[in-house]
Amino acid sequence: MNGYTVLLKWDDGASKWYALNDDIPIVLEDASLDTLIDRVKMAAPELLELNGQPHKDIHLLFKMERQAVIA
């Protein structure tokens, strides 16, 4: 099994989530976190195959990061 950690970051200015991973490599964006995760799950195997990486039995770990300033 091949494991990858995908970082999900919120951009307040753009009001979008971003999915990032340099090993796959993948950079996607979406306003919906659930939709973004679904898009990553669909795109990751294809991107890995295109880059000559093993693309079966992939384990994706999603880590979310969102910051808030409270005044």
N, C-alpha and C. Protein backbone atom coordinates (compact mmCIF):
# COMPACT_ATOMS: atom_id res chain seq x y z
N MET A 1 0.86 -1.18 0.00
CA MET A 1 0.00 0.00 0.00
C MET A 1 0.90 1.24 0.00
N ASN A 2 0.52 2.20 -0.80
CA ASN A 2 1.24 3.47 -0.88
C ASN A 2 0.47 4.53 -0.12
N GLY A 3 1.14 5.24 0.80
CA GLY A 3 0.48 6.25 1.61
C GLY A 3 0.93 7.65 1.29
N TYR A 4 -0.01 8.56 1.25
CA TYR A 4 0.25 9.97 0.98
C TYR A 4 -0.57 10.83 1.94
N THR A 5 0.05 11.88 2.45
CA THR A 5 -0.66 12.85 3.28
C THR A 5 -0.99 14.05 2.42
N VAL A 6 -2.26 14.38 2.36
CA VAL A 6 -2.73 15.52 1.59
C VAL A 6 -3.13 16.61 2.57
N LEU A 7 -2.51 17.77 2.43
CA LEU A 7 -2.82 18.91 3.29
C LEU A 7 -3.98 19.68 2.69
N LEU A 8 -4.99 19.94 3.50
CA LEU A 8 -6.16 20.72 3.10
C LEU A 8 -6.09 22.05 3.85
N LYS A 9 -5.93 23.13 3.11
CA LYS A 9 -5.77 24.45 3.73
C LYS A 9 -6.89 25.37 3.26
N TRP A 10 -7.40 26.17 4.18
CA TRP A 10 -8.45 27.15 3.89
C TRP A 10 -7.80 28.49 3.57
N ASP A 11 -8.28 29.14 2.52
CA ASP A 11 -7.83 30.49 2.14
C ASP A 11 -9.01 31.43 2.36
N ASP A 12 -8.92 32.26 3.43
CA ASP A 12 -10.01 33.20 3.73
C ASP A 12 -10.27 34.17 2.60
N GLY A 13 -9.21 34.69 1.98
CA GLY A 13 -9.36 35.69 0.92
C GLY A 13 -10.10 35.15 -0.29
N ALA A 14 -9.83 33.90 -0.65
CA ALA A 14 -10.47 33.29 -1.82
C ALA A 14 -11.73 32.50 -1.46
N SER A 15 -11.94 32.29 -0.16
CA SER A 15 -13.06 31.47 0.33
C SER A 15 -13.06 30.09 -0.32
N LYS A 16 -11.87 29.46 -0.34
CA LYS A 16 -11.71 28.15 -0.95
C LYS A 16 -10.77 27.29 -0.12
N TRP A 17 -10.97 25.98 -0.26
CA TRP A 17 -10.05 24.99 0.29
C TRP A 17 -9.05 24.62 -0.80
N TYR A 18 -7.83 24.34 -0.40
CA TYR A 18 -6.78 23.89 -1.31
C TYR A 18 -6.25 22.55 -0.82
N ALA A 19 -6.05 21.62 -1.75
CA ALA A 19 -5.45 20.32 -1.45
C ALA A 19 -4.05 20.31 -2.04
N LEU A 20 -3.05 19.96 -1.22
CA LEU A 20 -1.66 20.02 -1.65
C LEU A 20 -0.91 18.76 -1.27
N ASN A 21 -0.13 18.24 -2.21
CA ASN A 21 0.80 17.16 -1.95
C ASN A 21 1.85 17.15 -3.05
N ASP A 22 3.12 17.24 -2.68
CA ASP A 22 4.20 17.29 -3.65
C ASP A 22 4.57 15.92 -4.22
N ASP A 23 4.26 14.85 -3.50
CA ASP A 23 4.66 13.51 -3.95
C ASP A 23 3.74 12.96 -5.03
N ILE A 24 2.48 13.38 -5.05
CA ILE A 24 1.55 12.81 -6.04
C ILE A 24 1.85 13.34 -7.44
N PRO A 25 2.11 14.51 -7.79
CA PRO A 25 1.87 15.82 -7.18
C PRO A 25 0.44 16.28 -7.48
N ILE A 26 -0.12 17.02 -6.51
CA ILE A 26 -1.49 17.48 -6.69
C ILE A 26 -1.69 18.84 -6.04
N VAL A 27 -2.41 19.69 -6.73
CA VAL A 27 -2.88 20.97 -6.20
C VAL A 27 -4.27 21.18 -6.78
N LEU A 28 -5.27 21.14 -5.92
CA LEU A 28 -6.66 21.35 -6.34
C LEU A 28 -7.31 22.35 -5.40
N GLU A 29 -8.41 22.95 -5.84
CA GLU A 29 -9.14 23.90 -5.00
C GLU A 29 -10.63 23.69 -5.17
N ASP A 30 -11.38 24.02 -4.12
CA ASP A 30 -12.83 23.96 -4.19
C ASP A 30 -13.40 24.71 -2.99
N ALA A 31 -14.59 25.23 -3.13
CA ALA A 31 -15.25 25.93 -2.02
C ALA A 31 -15.76 24.94 -0.97
N SER A 32 -16.02 23.70 -1.38
CA SER A 32 -16.55 22.68 -0.48
C SER A 32 -15.44 21.69 -0.10
N LEU A 33 -15.28 21.47 1.20
CA LEU A 33 -14.27 20.54 1.68
C LEU A 33 -14.58 19.11 1.22
N ASP A 34 -15.83 18.69 1.33
CA ASP A 34 -16.21 17.33 0.93
C ASP A 34 -15.99 17.10 -0.57
N THR A 35 -16.35 18.09 -1.38
CA THR A 35 -16.14 17.97 -2.82
C THR A 35 -14.66 17.91 -3.15
N LEU A 36 -13.86 18.70 -2.45
CA LEU A 36 -12.43 18.70 -2.69
C LEU A 36 -11.82 17.33 -2.37
N ILE A 37 -12.22 16.73 -1.27
CA ILE A 37 -11.72 15.40 -0.91
C ILE A 37 -12.11 14.39 -1.98
N ASP A 38 -13.34 14.45 -2.47
CA ASP A 38 -13.77 13.55 -3.54
C ASP A 38 -12.94 13.76 -4.80
N ARG A 39 -12.63 15.00 -5.13
CA ARG A 39 -11.83 15.30 -6.32
C ARG A 39 -10.41 14.75 -6.18
N VAL A 40 -9.84 14.87 -4.98
CA VAL A 40 -8.49 14.34 -4.74
C VAL A 40 -8.50 12.82 -4.90
N LYS A 41 -9.52 12.15 -4.35
CA LYS A 41 -9.62 10.70 -4.45
C LYS A 41 -9.74 10.25 -5.90
N MET A 42 -10.37 11.03 -6.73
CA MET A 42 -10.50 10.69 -8.15
C MET A 42 -9.22 11.00 -8.93
N ALA A 43 -8.56 12.10 -8.62
CA ALA A 43 -7.40 12.55 -9.39
C ALA A 43 -6.10 11.86 -9.01
N ALA A 44 -5.94 11.49 -7.76
CA ALA A 44 -4.66 10.95 -7.28
C ALA A 44 -4.18 9.72 -8.06
N PRO A 45 -5.01 8.70 -8.27
CA PRO A 45 -4.52 7.53 -9.01
C PRO A 45 -4.07 7.87 -10.43
N GLU A 46 -4.82 8.73 -11.10
CA GLU A 46 -4.46 9.12 -12.47
C GLU A 46 -3.14 9.89 -12.50
N LEU A 47 -2.97 10.83 -11.57
CA LEU A 47 -1.73 11.60 -11.53
C LEU A 47 -0.53 10.72 -11.20
N LEU A 48 -0.72 9.78 -10.28
CA LEU A 48 0.37 8.87 -9.95
C LEU A 48 0.75 8.01 -11.15
N GLU A 49 -0.25 7.52 -11.87
CA GLU A 49 0.01 6.70 -13.05
C GLU A 49 0.76 7.51 -14.11
N LEU A 50 0.33 8.75 -14.34
CA LEU A 50 0.99 9.61 -15.32
C LEU A 50 2.45 9.88 -14.96
N ASN A 51 2.75 9.86 -13.67
CA ASN A 51 4.12 10.12 -13.21
C ASN A 51 4.91 8.84 -12.95
N GLY A 52 4.40 7.70 -13.41
CA GLY A 52 5.11 6.44 -13.28
C GLY A 52 5.20 5.91 -11.87
N GLN A 53 4.28 6.32 -11.01
CA GLN A 53 4.25 5.88 -9.62
C GLN A 53 3.21 4.76 -9.47
N PRO A 54 3.37 3.89 -8.45
CA PRO A 54 2.32 2.90 -8.18
C PRO A 54 1.00 3.63 -7.89
N HIS A 55 -0.07 3.15 -8.52
CA HIS A 55 -1.35 3.87 -8.39
C HIS A 55 -2.51 2.97 -7.96
N LYS A 56 -2.18 1.81 -7.42
CA LYS A 56 -3.19 0.89 -6.88
C LYS A 56 -3.03 0.84 -5.36
N ASP A 57 -4.11 0.57 -4.67
CA ASP A 57 -4.09 0.46 -3.20
C ASP A 57 -3.45 1.68 -2.54
N ILE A 58 -3.97 2.83 -2.87
CA ILE A 58 -3.45 4.10 -2.33
C ILE A 58 -4.15 4.43 -1.01
N HIS A 59 -3.36 4.83 -0.04
CA HIS A 59 -3.90 5.28 1.25
C HIS A 59 -3.68 6.78 1.32
N LEU A 60 -4.78 7.54 1.41
CA LEU A 60 -4.70 9.00 1.51
C LEU A 60 -5.08 9.42 2.92
N LEU A 61 -4.20 10.17 3.56
CA LEU A 61 -4.48 10.76 4.86
C LEU A 61 -4.70 12.25 4.65
N PHE A 62 -5.87 12.74 4.99
CA PHE A 62 -6.19 14.15 4.81
C PHE A 62 -6.00 14.89 6.13
N LYS A 63 -5.17 15.93 6.10
CA LYS A 63 -4.96 16.78 7.27
C LYS A 63 -5.45 18.18 6.94
N MET A 64 -6.37 18.66 7.77
CA MET A 64 -6.99 19.96 7.53
C MET A 64 -6.32 21.03 8.37
N GLU A 65 -6.13 22.20 7.75
CA GLU A 65 -5.56 23.34 8.46
C GLU A 65 -6.41 24.57 8.15
N ARG A 66 -6.94 25.15 9.22
CA ARG A 66 -7.71 26.39 9.08
C ARG A 66 -7.42 27.27 10.28
N GLN A 67 -7.03 28.49 10.02
CA GLN A 67 -6.69 29.41 11.10
C GLN A 67 -7.80 30.44 11.28
N ALA A 68 -7.94 30.89 12.51
CA ALA A 68 -8.93 31.93 12.82
C ALA A 68 -8.30 32.95 13.74
N VAL A 69 -8.58 34.20 13.47
CA VAL A 69 -8.13 35.29 14.34
C VAL A 69 -9.35 35.78 15.11
N ILE A 70 -9.24 35.76 16.42
CA ILE A 70 -10.35 36.20 17.26
C ILE A 70 -9.88 37.46 18.00
N ALA A 71 -10.59 38.53 17.75
CA ALA A 71 -10.19 39.81 18.36
C ALA A 71 -11.04 40.12 19.56
